[in-house]
């Protein structure tokens, strides 16, 4: 299934209604099955669904490395990802709806183990940060066609190594984590650049990925700022090509 599909719509502008042909982003439900047991349903963009499943288990702290994945496959109809692990796992007793976007789900609670704070090893100049923001724009392939979609990219502080897109900002972090696992891309220095608002759930996922920087086009929440301080993450919001706000650990800015 393609990430977008053509439609006919009507645009109102001075002079009246005008019929136009455009591309609209695709949204589908995809079930996650773990070791033969149905877990939940993602609402997502039909791309990189194997990575979405693997990354979700990683950011939820169900697995810690790719060696725990025995097999992951997408069914022929594209509406179920079946993932088999090398060991038994317990399905979380309850799922909590995440904030905003497509209403993702998480089993992480306030009492869940938190990632260890990372040591400060990466320092970025303001010019480098704005360059990375510009490269995020360049990576937005589906957005350029349809709009209405989030992008998250992984950088080592110099180059963009991976980028993913999805209607859900939480899904983008799961897809990114999944690609890092399945493609074995683990740079020593990790920077996340995203179009999505940074909530506490987003910061939990960024912490699991081991990011030292999280750079967003939009705003963080109060809880995400608190977690960024605790995790040792430099959190940057409202990042543009020529300006940004620093919410935590400014000592990493050169």
Foldseek 3Di string as FASTA:
>chain_A
DDQKDKDWDWDQDPPGIDIDIAIAGDWDWAWEAEQNHTADIDTKGLDLVQLLNQLQCLLLVVDPALQQWPDWDADPVSRYIYTYGPDDTDHQPDWDFDDDFPGDTHSDDPPDDAFAADDDDAAAAPQLLLVVQVVQVVPPPVCVRHNQKKKKFKDQSHDTDDMDIMNDPLSRLSSVSSCCRVVVPQHPAIEMEMADEAELSNLSSCLSSPHQEYEYCAYYDPNSLVVCQRNNHFYWYNRHSNDIDTRHDCVRYD
